Amino acid sequence: MRFLTGILLLFFLLCSPAIAFTGEEMPDYSLTVRFNIPNKIVKGRSVVSLPAGQSRTIRTEGLRIITASINGVPVNPEPGVSVISFQPASKDDKLKIEYEASLDYAGTSDGDALNIVSPGGISLTSGWYPELQGLAIYHLTALLPEGFEALSEADEVGVRETGDGEKEFSFFFPHPLEGVTLAAGHYKIGTDEHFGKKIYTYFFPENAGLARTYI
């Protein structure tokens, strides 16, 4: 199923969470995810650190929390509660969460977003990882099977072959964001340069001829 065409992919990027510029010290959020594609499951590990004196909440609605801890000390949310409160005693405290979620055409609680994990492609917009309240500096790593290409609203992406049938995509976000999104598929990537700026297009092979027009 071709759930994401080049046109929709362009829309996906234009509608990504807004970048905010501020001099305020920001929380740091590292997120690593991998996928069980046949079973439509995302598995992830998030690590959150906050500036001294800050407190934040993390929404976990729709996720199965495997472990949650602060500096190795378990955090046990109350049954039925889908929010974790994090108020570190020092700036060195880190909240670590391991989780998984089944994403079979599942929308968010407000019905606005659609998350898809399928052999034809992946589209993750909201509710697919523990969501931190407010702005943060994000670091996203996605491990995907060979043949997939991935993108997010990052300024730069690094790609590495892991040697075990997977590719590792590392996304770099130099500015604070309210959240991150992820898309992946069997795209053919085109490149060009305009006034020193690199331009990339991501199209399925049957639509790759449109790349020049979009550039």
N, C-alpha and C. Protein backbone atom coordinates (compact mmCIF):
# COMPACT_ATOMS: atom_id res chain seq x y z
N MET A 1 0.84 -1.19 0.00
CA MET A 1 0.00 0.00 0.00
C MET A 1 0.88 1.25 0.00
N ARG A 2 0.63 2.17 -0.94
CA ARG A 2 1.38 3.41 -1.00
C ARG A 2 0.63 4.45 -0.19
N PHE A 3 0.89 4.50 1.12
CA PHE A 3 0.11 5.38 1.97
C PHE A 3 0.64 6.80 1.95
N LEU A 4 1.84 7.02 1.41
CA LEU A 4 2.44 8.34 1.47
C LEU A 4 3.10 8.65 0.14
N THR A 5 2.51 9.54 -0.64
CA THR A 5 3.10 9.94 -1.90
C THR A 5 4.04 11.10 -1.68
N GLY A 6 4.75 11.49 -2.76
CA GLY A 6 5.64 12.64 -2.63
C GLY A 6 4.90 13.89 -2.23
N ILE A 7 3.67 14.07 -2.74
CA ILE A 7 2.89 15.26 -2.40
C ILE A 7 2.55 15.26 -0.92
N LEU A 8 2.08 14.12 -0.41
CA LEU A 8 1.73 14.04 1.00
C LEU A 8 2.97 14.18 1.87
N LEU A 9 4.10 13.70 1.39
CA LEU A 9 5.33 13.83 2.15
C LEU A 9 5.72 15.29 2.29
N LEU A 10 5.56 16.06 1.22
CA LEU A 10 5.82 17.49 1.29
C LEU A 10 4.90 18.14 2.30
N PHE A 11 3.61 17.77 2.29
CA PHE A 11 2.65 18.30 3.25
C PHE A 11 3.05 17.94 4.67
N PHE A 12 3.51 16.71 4.85
CA PHE A 12 3.93 16.21 6.16
C PHE A 12 5.03 17.10 6.74
N LEU A 13 6.00 17.48 5.90
CA LEU A 13 7.11 18.29 6.38
C LEU A 13 6.67 19.72 6.65
N LEU A 14 5.82 20.28 5.78
CA LEU A 14 5.38 21.65 5.97
C LEU A 14 4.53 21.80 7.23
N CYS A 15 3.85 20.73 7.62
CA CYS A 15 2.96 20.79 8.78
C CYS A 15 3.61 20.21 10.04
N SER A 16 4.91 20.02 10.02
CA SER A 16 5.61 19.49 11.20
C SER A 16 5.60 20.52 12.32
N PRO A 17 5.87 20.08 13.58
CA PRO A 17 5.82 21.01 14.70
C PRO A 17 6.71 22.22 14.47
N ALA A 18 6.23 23.39 14.88
CA ALA A 18 6.95 24.63 14.60
C ALA A 18 8.24 24.73 15.40
N ILE A 19 9.27 25.26 14.75
CA ILE A 19 10.53 25.52 15.43
C ILE A 19 10.39 26.81 16.22
N ALA A 20 10.95 26.82 17.40
CA ALA A 20 10.92 28.02 18.23
C ALA A 20 12.35 28.42 18.57
N PHE A 21 12.63 29.71 18.52
CA PHE A 21 13.96 30.21 18.84
C PHE A 21 13.89 30.93 20.18
N THR A 22 14.71 30.54 21.10
CA THR A 22 14.68 31.13 22.43
C THR A 22 16.03 30.96 23.10
N GLY A 23 16.35 31.89 23.99
CA GLY A 23 17.62 31.81 24.72
C GLY A 23 17.49 31.02 26.01
N GLU A 24 16.28 30.59 26.35
CA GLU A 24 16.06 29.84 27.58
C GLU A 24 16.72 28.46 27.50
N GLU A 25 17.28 28.01 28.62
CA GLU A 25 17.87 26.67 28.66
C GLU A 25 16.77 25.64 28.50
N MET A 26 17.00 24.68 27.62
CA MET A 26 15.97 23.73 27.23
C MET A 26 16.21 22.34 27.79
N PRO A 27 15.14 21.57 28.02
CA PRO A 27 15.29 20.15 28.32
C PRO A 27 15.94 19.44 27.14
N ASP A 28 16.56 18.31 27.42
CA ASP A 28 17.21 17.50 26.39
C ASP A 28 16.48 16.16 26.32
N TYR A 29 16.07 15.77 25.11
CA TYR A 29 15.29 14.55 24.94
C TYR A 29 15.95 13.69 23.86
N SER A 30 16.43 12.51 24.26
CA SER A 30 17.00 11.54 23.32
C SER A 30 16.02 10.39 23.16
N LEU A 31 15.72 10.06 21.92
CA LEU A 31 14.74 9.02 21.63
C LEU A 31 15.32 8.06 20.59
N THR A 32 15.32 6.76 20.91
CA THR A 32 15.77 5.73 19.99
C THR A 32 14.62 4.75 19.76
N VAL A 33 14.31 4.48 18.49
CA VAL A 33 13.19 3.59 18.18
C VAL A 33 13.61 2.56 17.14
N ARG A 34 12.98 1.38 17.23
CA ARG A 34 13.11 0.35 16.21
C ARG A 34 11.74 -0.28 16.03
N PHE A 35 11.58 -1.10 15.00
CA PHE A 35 10.24 -1.53 14.61
C PHE A 35 10.15 -3.04 14.40
N ASN A 36 9.03 -3.59 14.83
CA ASN A 36 8.60 -4.93 14.44
C ASN A 36 7.51 -4.70 13.41
N ILE A 37 7.92 -4.61 12.14
CA ILE A 37 6.99 -4.17 11.10
C ILE A 37 5.86 -5.17 10.86
N PRO A 38 6.13 -6.49 10.78
CA PRO A 38 5.00 -7.42 10.55
C PRO A 38 3.90 -7.32 11.60
N ASN A 39 4.29 -7.00 12.85
CA ASN A 39 3.31 -6.90 13.92
C ASN A 39 2.88 -5.47 14.23
N LYS A 40 3.37 -4.51 13.41
CA LYS A 40 2.97 -3.11 13.53
C LYS A 40 3.30 -2.54 14.91
N ILE A 41 4.51 -2.81 15.38
CA ILE A 41 4.91 -2.39 16.73
C ILE A 41 6.14 -1.50 16.65
N VAL A 42 6.14 -0.43 17.43
CA VAL A 42 7.32 0.40 17.63
C VAL A 42 7.81 0.17 19.05
N LYS A 43 9.13 -0.01 19.19
CA LYS A 43 9.76 -0.15 20.49
C LYS A 43 10.74 0.99 20.67
N GLY A 44 10.74 1.60 21.84
CA GLY A 44 11.58 2.77 22.01
C GLY A 44 12.17 2.91 23.39
N ARG A 45 13.17 3.81 23.43
CA ARG A 45 13.83 4.16 24.69
C ARG A 45 14.03 5.68 24.69
N SER A 46 13.49 6.34 25.67
CA SER A 46 13.65 7.79 25.77
C SER A 46 14.43 8.15 27.03
N VAL A 47 15.26 9.18 26.90
CA VAL A 47 16.06 9.68 28.02
C VAL A 47 15.84 11.19 28.08
N VAL A 48 15.32 11.67 29.21
CA VAL A 48 14.98 13.08 29.37
C VAL A 48 15.80 13.67 30.51
N SER A 49 16.41 14.82 30.25
CA SER A 49 17.07 15.58 31.32
C SER A 49 16.55 17.01 31.28
N LEU A 50 16.43 17.62 32.46
CA LEU A 50 15.86 18.96 32.57
C LEU A 50 16.87 19.92 33.18
N PRO A 51 16.80 21.20 32.82
CA PRO A 51 17.61 22.21 33.52
C PRO A 51 17.23 22.27 34.99
N ALA A 52 18.17 22.70 35.80
CA ALA A 52 17.94 22.78 37.25
C ALA A 52 16.72 23.64 37.54
N GLY A 53 15.86 23.15 38.44
CA GLY A 53 14.70 23.92 38.87
C GLY A 53 13.46 23.73 38.02
N GLN A 54 13.57 23.04 36.89
CA GLN A 54 12.40 22.82 36.05
C GLN A 54 11.68 21.53 36.43
N SER A 55 10.40 21.48 36.12
CA SER A 55 9.63 20.25 36.25
C SER A 55 8.74 20.14 35.03
N ARG A 56 8.54 18.92 34.55
CA ARG A 56 7.72 18.69 33.36
C ARG A 56 6.90 17.42 33.56
N THR A 57 5.88 17.27 32.72
CA THR A 57 5.12 16.04 32.68
C THR A 57 5.34 15.37 31.33
N ILE A 58 5.25 14.05 31.34
CA ILE A 58 5.43 13.23 30.13
C ILE A 58 4.18 12.39 29.95
N ARG A 59 3.53 12.54 28.80
CA ARG A 59 2.31 11.78 28.50
C ARG A 59 2.69 10.42 27.93
N THR A 60 2.05 9.38 28.43
CA THR A 60 2.32 8.01 27.95
C THR A 60 1.06 7.31 27.48
N GLU A 61 0.03 8.07 27.18
CA GLU A 61 -1.24 7.49 26.75
C GLU A 61 -1.05 6.63 25.50
N GLY A 62 -1.59 5.41 25.53
CA GLY A 62 -1.50 4.51 24.39
C GLY A 62 -0.21 3.71 24.31
N LEU A 63 0.70 3.92 25.24
CA LEU A 63 1.98 3.21 25.25
C LEU A 63 2.00 2.17 26.36
N ARG A 64 2.73 1.10 26.13
CA ARG A 64 2.97 0.13 27.21
C ARG A 64 4.34 0.40 27.78
N ILE A 65 4.38 0.90 29.00
CA ILE A 65 5.64 1.23 29.65
C ILE A 65 6.27 -0.05 30.19
N ILE A 66 7.46 -0.35 29.71
CA ILE A 66 8.17 -1.55 30.17
C ILE A 66 8.95 -1.23 31.44
N THR A 67 9.74 -0.16 31.41
CA THR A 67 10.43 0.32 32.61
C THR A 67 10.47 1.83 32.57
N ALA A 68 10.47 2.44 33.75
CA ALA A 68 10.67 3.88 33.89
C ALA A 68 11.49 4.09 35.16
N SER A 69 12.53 4.90 35.05
CA SER A 69 13.41 5.08 36.20
C SER A 69 14.09 6.43 36.14
N ILE A 70 14.49 6.93 37.30
CA ILE A 70 15.31 8.13 37.41
C ILE A 70 16.61 7.72 38.07
N ASN A 71 17.68 7.80 37.31
CA ASN A 71 19.00 7.36 37.80
C ASN A 71 18.96 5.95 38.37
N GLY A 72 18.23 5.06 37.71
CA GLY A 72 18.17 3.67 38.12
C GLY A 72 17.12 3.35 39.15
N VAL A 73 16.49 4.37 39.72
CA VAL A 73 15.44 4.14 40.72
C VAL A 73 14.10 4.07 40.01
N PRO A 74 13.36 2.97 40.13
CA PRO A 74 12.12 2.81 39.38
C PRO A 74 11.09 3.89 39.69
N VAL A 75 10.39 4.30 38.66
CA VAL A 75 9.25 5.20 38.78
C VAL A 75 8.01 4.38 38.44
N ASN A 76 7.08 4.32 39.36
CA ASN A 76 5.88 3.50 39.16
C ASN A 76 4.65 4.38 39.12
N PRO A 77 4.21 4.77 37.91
CA PRO A 77 2.98 5.58 37.83
C PRO A 77 1.80 4.83 38.42
N GLU A 78 0.85 5.57 38.93
CA GLU A 78 -0.34 4.95 39.49
C GLU A 78 -1.12 4.23 38.39
N PRO A 79 -1.77 3.11 38.73
CA PRO A 79 -2.56 2.38 37.73
C PRO A 79 -3.59 3.29 37.07
N GLY A 80 -3.68 3.21 35.75
CA GLY A 80 -4.66 4.02 35.02
C GLY A 80 -4.22 5.43 34.72
N VAL A 81 -3.05 5.85 35.25
CA VAL A 81 -2.55 7.20 35.02
C VAL A 81 -1.57 7.17 33.85
N SER A 82 -1.79 8.04 32.86
CA SER A 82 -0.95 8.04 31.67
C SER A 82 -0.03 9.25 31.62
N VAL A 83 0.36 9.74 32.80
CA VAL A 83 1.28 10.89 32.89
C VAL A 83 2.35 10.59 33.92
N ILE A 84 3.60 10.88 33.57
CA ILE A 84 4.71 10.77 34.51
C ILE A 84 5.21 12.18 34.80
N SER A 85 5.30 12.53 36.08
CA SER A 85 5.83 13.84 36.48
C SER A 85 7.32 13.70 36.77
N PHE A 86 8.09 14.65 36.26
CA PHE A 86 9.54 14.60 36.43
C PHE A 86 10.01 15.94 36.99
N GLN A 87 10.48 15.92 38.24
CA GLN A 87 11.05 17.09 38.87
C GLN A 87 12.39 16.68 39.46
N PRO A 88 13.47 16.81 38.69
CA PRO A 88 14.76 16.29 39.13
C PRO A 88 15.31 17.03 40.34
N ALA A 89 16.02 16.27 41.18
CA ALA A 89 16.68 16.87 42.34
C ALA A 89 17.93 17.64 41.92
N SER A 90 18.53 17.24 40.81
CA SER A 90 19.70 17.95 40.27
C SER A 90 19.66 17.88 38.76
N LYS A 91 20.49 18.70 38.12
CA LYS A 91 20.49 18.73 36.65
C LYS A 91 21.07 17.45 36.06
N ASP A 92 21.72 16.62 36.89
CA ASP A 92 22.29 15.37 36.40
C ASP A 92 21.28 14.23 36.39
N ASP A 93 20.11 14.44 37.00
CA ASP A 93 19.09 13.40 37.03
C ASP A 93 18.52 13.19 35.63
N LYS A 94 18.32 11.93 35.26
CA LYS A 94 17.76 11.59 33.95
C LYS A 94 16.59 10.62 34.13
N LEU A 95 15.52 10.90 33.41
CA LEU A 95 14.37 10.01 33.38
C LEU A 95 14.50 9.12 32.16
N LYS A 96 14.52 7.80 32.37
CA LYS A 96 14.64 6.85 31.27
C LYS A 96 13.36 6.01 31.19
N ILE A 97 12.84 5.90 29.99
CA ILE A 97 11.60 5.15 29.77
C ILE A 97 11.81 4.19 28.61
N GLU A 98 11.52 2.91 28.84
CA GLU A 98 11.48 1.93 27.76
C GLU A 98 10.01 1.55 27.56
N TYR A 99 9.60 1.49 26.30
CA TYR A 99 8.18 1.32 26.01
C TYR A 99 8.00 0.61 24.68
N GLU A 100 6.77 0.24 24.40
CA GLU A 100 6.39 -0.23 23.08
C GLU A 100 4.94 0.15 22.83
N ALA A 101 4.57 0.19 21.56
CA ALA A 101 3.20 0.55 21.21
C ALA A 101 2.81 -0.17 19.94
N SER A 102 1.56 -0.61 19.88
CA SER A 102 0.99 -1.21 18.68
C SER A 102 0.32 -0.11 17.88
N LEU A 103 0.78 0.07 16.65
CA LEU A 103 0.29 1.19 15.82
C LEU A 103 -0.34 0.63 14.55
N ASP A 104 -1.55 0.22 14.67
CA ASP A 104 -2.29 -0.34 13.53
C ASP A 104 -3.37 0.65 13.12
N TYR A 105 -2.99 1.66 12.34
CA TYR A 105 -3.90 2.71 11.92
C TYR A 105 -4.56 3.36 13.13
N ALA A 106 -3.74 3.66 14.14
CA ALA A 106 -4.28 4.20 15.39
C ALA A 106 -4.18 5.71 15.41
N GLY A 107 -5.29 6.39 15.65
CA GLY A 107 -5.27 7.84 15.79
C GLY A 107 -4.99 8.22 17.23
N THR A 108 -4.65 9.48 17.46
CA THR A 108 -4.45 9.97 18.81
C THR A 108 -5.80 10.16 19.47
N SER A 109 -5.74 10.50 20.76
CA SER A 109 -6.99 10.62 21.52
C SER A 109 -7.90 11.70 20.97
N ASP A 110 -7.34 12.74 20.30
CA ASP A 110 -8.19 13.80 19.76
C ASP A 110 -8.62 13.51 18.33
N GLY A 111 -8.16 12.37 17.78
CA GLY A 111 -8.60 11.96 16.46
C GLY A 111 -7.94 12.69 15.31
N ASP A 112 -6.94 13.53 15.59
CA ASP A 112 -6.33 14.35 14.55
C ASP A 112 -5.21 13.65 13.80
N ALA A 113 -4.54 12.70 14.44
CA ALA A 113 -3.33 12.13 13.86
C ALA A 113 -3.54 10.67 13.49
N LEU A 114 -2.74 10.21 12.55
CA LEU A 114 -2.82 8.83 12.10
C LEU A 114 -1.41 8.26 12.10
N ASN A 115 -1.19 7.20 12.88
CA ASN A 115 0.10 6.54 12.93
C ASN A 115 0.00 5.22 12.18
N ILE A 116 0.96 4.96 11.31
CA ILE A 116 0.95 3.76 10.49
C ILE A 116 2.31 3.09 10.55
N VAL A 117 2.32 1.79 10.81
CA VAL A 117 3.52 0.95 10.66
C VAL A 117 3.11 -0.21 9.78
N SER A 118 3.70 -0.31 8.59
CA SER A 118 3.33 -1.36 7.66
C SER A 118 4.52 -1.67 6.76
N PRO A 119 4.52 -2.83 6.08
CA PRO A 119 5.62 -3.13 5.15
C PRO A 119 5.76 -2.10 4.03
N GLY A 120 4.66 -1.40 3.71
CA GLY A 120 4.72 -0.38 2.67
C GLY A 120 5.29 0.93 3.12
N GLY A 121 5.34 1.17 4.44
CA GLY A 121 5.87 2.42 4.93
C GLY A 121 5.45 2.73 6.35
N ILE A 122 6.02 3.78 6.88
CA ILE A 122 5.79 4.20 8.27
C ILE A 122 5.48 5.68 8.29
N SER A 123 4.46 6.08 9.04
CA SER A 123 4.13 7.48 9.25
C SER A 123 3.73 7.66 10.71
N LEU A 124 4.50 8.42 11.45
CA LEU A 124 4.26 8.61 12.88
C LEU A 124 4.19 10.10 13.17
N THR A 125 3.05 10.54 13.66
CA THR A 125 2.84 11.97 13.85
C THR A 125 2.65 12.38 15.30
N SER A 126 1.93 11.58 16.08
CA SER A 126 1.64 11.97 17.46
C SER A 126 1.30 10.74 18.28
N GLY A 127 1.69 10.75 19.55
CA GLY A 127 1.34 9.66 20.44
C GLY A 127 2.13 8.39 20.23
N TRP A 128 3.28 8.46 19.54
CA TRP A 128 4.07 7.25 19.27
C TRP A 128 5.32 7.14 20.15
N TYR A 129 5.47 8.09 21.07
CA TYR A 129 6.57 8.05 22.04
C TYR A 129 6.13 8.84 23.28
N PRO A 130 6.79 8.69 24.42
CA PRO A 130 6.42 9.48 25.59
C PRO A 130 6.59 10.97 25.30
N GLU A 131 5.52 11.73 25.35
CA GLU A 131 5.53 13.12 24.89
C GLU A 131 5.77 14.08 26.04
N LEU A 132 6.85 14.85 25.90
CA LEU A 132 7.24 15.81 26.93
C LEU A 132 6.46 17.11 26.76
N GLN A 133 5.95 17.62 27.85
CA GLN A 133 5.25 18.90 27.83
C GLN A 133 6.23 20.03 27.51
N GLY A 134 5.87 20.89 26.57
CA GLY A 134 6.68 22.06 26.28
C GLY A 134 7.80 21.79 25.28
N LEU A 135 8.67 22.77 25.14
CA LEU A 135 9.77 22.71 24.17
C LEU A 135 10.95 21.93 24.71
N ALA A 136 11.73 21.35 23.78
CA ALA A 136 12.93 20.60 24.16
C ALA A 136 13.85 20.51 22.95
N ILE A 137 15.11 20.20 23.21
CA ILE A 137 16.06 19.87 22.15
C ILE A 137 16.02 18.35 21.97
N TYR A 138 15.72 17.89 20.75
CA TYR A 138 15.53 16.47 20.49
C TYR A 138 16.70 15.85 19.75
N HIS A 139 16.92 14.57 20.06
CA HIS A 139 17.88 13.73 19.35
C HIS A 139 17.14 12.43 19.03
N LEU A 140 16.92 12.17 17.76
CA LEU A 140 16.13 11.02 17.33
C LEU A 140 16.99 10.05 16.54
N THR A 141 16.94 8.77 16.94
CA THR A 141 17.62 7.70 16.21
C THR A 141 16.58 6.65 15.87
N ALA A 142 16.54 6.25 14.60
CA ALA A 142 15.58 5.23 14.15
C ALA A 142 16.33 4.11 13.46
N LEU A 143 16.06 2.88 13.89
CA LEU A 143 16.64 1.68 13.28
C LEU A 143 15.58 1.03 12.41
N LEU A 144 15.91 0.86 11.12
CA LEU A 144 14.94 0.37 10.15
C LEU A 144 15.55 -0.71 9.28
N PRO A 145 14.72 -1.60 8.73
CA PRO A 145 15.24 -2.66 7.85
C PRO A 145 15.88 -2.06 6.60
N GLU A 146 16.80 -2.81 6.01
CA GLU A 146 17.39 -2.41 4.74
C GLU A 146 16.28 -2.18 3.71
N GLY A 147 16.47 -1.20 2.88
CA GLY A 147 15.48 -0.86 1.87
C GLY A 147 14.61 0.30 2.25
N PHE A 148 14.55 0.65 3.55
CA PHE A 148 13.79 1.81 4.01
C PHE A 148 14.69 3.04 4.05
N GLU A 149 14.10 4.18 3.72
CA GLU A 149 14.73 5.48 3.93
C GLU A 149 13.82 6.26 4.87
N ALA A 150 14.42 7.04 5.77
CA ALA A 150 13.64 7.73 6.79
C ALA A 150 13.93 9.22 6.77
N LEU A 151 12.94 10.00 7.21
CA LEU A 151 13.13 11.44 7.33
C LEU A 151 12.26 11.99 8.45
N SER A 152 12.70 13.13 8.95
CA SER A 152 11.98 13.84 9.99
C SER A 152 12.22 15.33 9.74
N GLU A 153 11.66 16.19 10.62
CA GLU A 153 11.81 17.63 10.42
C GLU A 153 13.15 18.11 10.96
N ALA A 154 14.22 17.43 10.59
CA ALA A 154 15.56 17.73 11.07
C ALA A 154 16.32 18.57 10.06
N ASP A 155 17.33 19.27 10.54
CA ASP A 155 18.21 20.02 9.64
C ASP A 155 19.22 19.10 8.96
N GLU A 156 19.49 17.96 9.58
CA GLU A 156 20.52 17.07 9.05
C GLU A 156 20.21 15.64 9.48
N VAL A 157 20.58 14.69 8.63
CA VAL A 157 20.37 13.28 8.96
C VAL A 157 21.65 12.50 8.64
N GLY A 158 22.04 11.65 9.56
CA GLY A 158 23.17 10.75 9.34
C GLY A 158 22.66 9.33 9.16
N VAL A 159 23.26 8.59 8.25
CA VAL A 159 22.83 7.22 7.96
C VAL A 159 24.03 6.28 8.12
N ARG A 160 23.79 5.16 8.81
CA ARG A 160 24.87 4.20 9.05
C ARG A 160 24.34 2.79 8.87
N GLU A 161 25.12 1.97 8.15
CA GLU A 161 24.79 0.55 8.03
C GLU A 161 25.24 -0.16 9.31
N THR A 162 24.34 -0.90 9.93
CA THR A 162 24.68 -1.56 11.20
C THR A 162 25.31 -2.93 10.99
N GLY A 163 25.17 -3.51 9.78
CA GLY A 163 25.77 -4.81 9.51
C GLY A 163 24.90 -5.99 9.90
N ASP A 164 23.72 -5.75 10.44
CA ASP A 164 22.82 -6.84 10.83
C ASP A 164 21.47 -6.73 10.13
N GLY A 165 21.49 -6.19 8.92
CA GLY A 165 20.26 -6.07 8.16
C GLY A 165 19.45 -4.84 8.46
N GLU A 166 20.02 -3.90 9.22
CA GLU A 166 19.32 -2.67 9.55
C GLU A 166 20.15 -1.46 9.14
N LYS A 167 19.47 -0.31 9.02
CA LYS A 167 20.12 0.97 8.82
C LYS A 167 19.75 1.88 9.99
N GLU A 168 20.73 2.64 10.45
CA GLU A 168 20.51 3.56 11.56
C GLU A 168 20.46 4.99 11.03
N PHE A 169 19.35 5.66 11.31
CA PHE A 169 19.17 7.05 10.90
C PHE A 169 19.23 7.94 12.14
N SER A 170 20.14 8.91 12.13
CA SER A 170 20.29 9.84 13.25
C SER A 170 19.89 11.23 12.79
N PHE A 171 18.92 11.83 13.47
CA PHE A 171 18.39 13.12 13.07
C PHE A 171 18.86 14.20 14.05
N PHE A 172 19.26 15.34 13.48
CA PHE A 172 19.82 16.43 14.27
C PHE A 172 18.89 17.64 14.20
N PHE A 173 18.41 18.07 15.36
CA PHE A 173 17.49 19.20 15.47
C PHE A 173 18.18 20.29 16.29
N PRO A 174 18.71 21.34 15.67
CA PRO A 174 19.48 22.33 16.41
C PRO A 174 18.63 23.34 17.18
N HIS A 175 17.30 23.31 17.00
CA HIS A 175 16.43 24.29 17.64
C HIS A 175 15.36 23.59 18.46
N PRO A 176 14.84 24.25 19.49
CA PRO A 176 13.79 23.64 20.32
C PRO A 176 12.54 23.33 19.51
N LEU A 177 11.92 22.19 19.84
CA LEU A 177 10.68 21.76 19.18
C LEU A 177 9.68 21.32 20.23
N GLU A 178 8.42 21.32 19.84
CA GLU A 178 7.37 20.81 20.73
C GLU A 178 7.22 19.30 20.60
N GLY A 179 7.80 18.70 19.58
CA GLY A 179 7.72 17.26 19.37
C GLY A 179 8.34 16.92 18.03
N VAL A 180 8.45 15.64 17.75
CA VAL A 180 9.05 15.20 16.49
C VAL A 180 8.13 14.19 15.80
N THR A 181 8.30 14.09 14.48
CA THR A 181 7.56 13.14 13.67
C THR A 181 8.56 12.30 12.88
N LEU A 182 8.07 11.21 12.30
CA LEU A 182 8.95 10.32 11.55
C LEU A 182 8.18 9.69 10.39
N ALA A 183 8.80 9.66 9.22
CA ALA A 183 8.24 8.95 8.07
C ALA A 183 9.33 8.07 7.49
N ALA A 184 8.97 6.92 6.97
CA ALA A 184 9.94 6.02 6.35
C ALA A 184 9.24 5.20 5.28
N GLY A 185 9.97 4.88 4.24
CA GLY A 185 9.41 4.08 3.15
C GLY A 185 10.49 3.69 2.17
N HIS A 186 10.08 3.04 1.12
CA HIS A 186 11.03 2.59 0.09
C HIS A 186 11.21 3.70 -0.93
N TYR A 187 11.74 4.82 -0.46
CA TYR A 187 11.87 6.00 -1.29
C TYR A 187 13.12 5.97 -2.15
N LYS A 188 13.01 6.64 -3.29
CA LYS A 188 14.18 6.96 -4.09
C LYS A 188 14.53 8.42 -3.81
N ILE A 189 15.75 8.66 -3.35
CA ILE A 189 16.16 10.00 -2.94
C ILE A 189 16.84 10.72 -4.09
N GLY A 190 16.39 11.93 -4.38
CA GLY A 190 17.03 12.79 -5.36
C GLY A 190 17.69 13.97 -4.66
N THR A 191 18.75 14.50 -5.24
CA THR A 191 19.45 15.64 -4.62
C THR A 191 19.77 16.69 -5.67
N ASP A 192 19.86 17.91 -5.20
CA ASP A 192 20.28 19.02 -6.04
C ASP A 192 20.81 20.11 -5.09
N GLU A 193 21.34 21.17 -5.68
CA GLU A 193 21.88 22.26 -4.87
C GLU A 193 21.45 23.58 -5.49
N HIS A 194 21.04 24.53 -4.64
CA HIS A 194 20.57 25.82 -5.11
C HIS A 194 21.14 26.90 -4.20
N PHE A 195 22.00 27.77 -4.75
CA PHE A 195 22.65 28.82 -3.97
C PHE A 195 23.31 28.26 -2.71
N GLY A 196 23.99 27.14 -2.88
CA GLY A 196 24.74 26.56 -1.77
C GLY A 196 23.92 25.74 -0.81
N LYS A 197 22.62 25.63 -1.04
CA LYS A 197 21.75 24.85 -0.17
C LYS A 197 21.38 23.55 -0.85
N LYS A 198 21.55 22.44 -0.14
CA LYS A 198 21.18 21.14 -0.71
C LYS A 198 19.67 20.92 -0.61
N ILE A 199 19.12 20.35 -1.66
CA ILE A 199 17.69 20.03 -1.73
C ILE A 199 17.55 18.53 -1.93
N TYR A 200 16.67 17.91 -1.15
CA TYR A 200 16.45 16.47 -1.25
C TYR A 200 14.98 16.20 -1.56
N THR A 201 14.73 15.22 -2.40
CA THR A 201 13.36 14.76 -2.64
C THR A 201 13.26 13.28 -2.29
N TYR A 202 12.11 12.90 -1.75
CA TYR A 202 11.83 11.51 -1.38
C TYR A 202 10.56 11.08 -2.10
N PHE A 203 10.71 10.22 -3.10
CA PHE A 203 9.55 9.73 -3.85
C PHE A 203 9.62 8.20 -3.94
N PHE A 204 8.45 7.58 -4.01
CA PHE A 204 8.43 6.16 -4.36
C PHE A 204 8.94 6.02 -5.79
N PRO A 205 9.57 4.88 -6.12
CA PRO A 205 10.20 4.72 -7.44
C PRO A 205 9.28 5.06 -8.61
N GLU A 206 7.99 4.70 -8.52
CA GLU A 206 7.09 4.96 -9.65
C GLU A 206 6.79 6.44 -9.83
N ASN A 207 7.09 7.26 -8.80
CA ASN A 207 6.85 8.70 -8.90
C ASN A 207 8.14 9.51 -8.96
N ALA A 208 9.29 8.82 -9.05
CA ALA A 208 10.58 9.51 -8.96
C ALA A 208 10.76 10.54 -10.07
N GLY A 209 10.07 10.37 -11.20
CA GLY A 209 10.18 11.33 -12.29
C GLY A 209 9.67 12.71 -11.94
N LEU A 210 8.92 12.83 -10.83
CA LEU A 210 8.40 14.13 -10.41
C LEU A 210 9.42 14.96 -9.65
N ALA A 211 10.55 14.35 -9.29
CA ALA A 211 11.51 15.04 -8.44
C ALA A 211 12.00 16.34 -9.05
N ARG A 212 12.33 16.32 -10.34
CA ARG A 212 12.85 17.52 -10.99
C ARG A 212 11.81 18.63 -10.97
N THR A 213 10.54 18.29 -11.19
CA THR A 213 9.48 19.28 -11.17
C THR A 213 9.38 19.94 -9.79
N TYR A 214 9.43 19.14 -8.72
CA TYR A 214 9.31 19.69 -7.38
C TYR A 214 10.51 20.54 -7.02
N ILE A 215 11.71 20.11 -7.42
CA ILE A 215 12.89 20.92 -7.14
C ILE A 215 12.81 22.25 -7.88
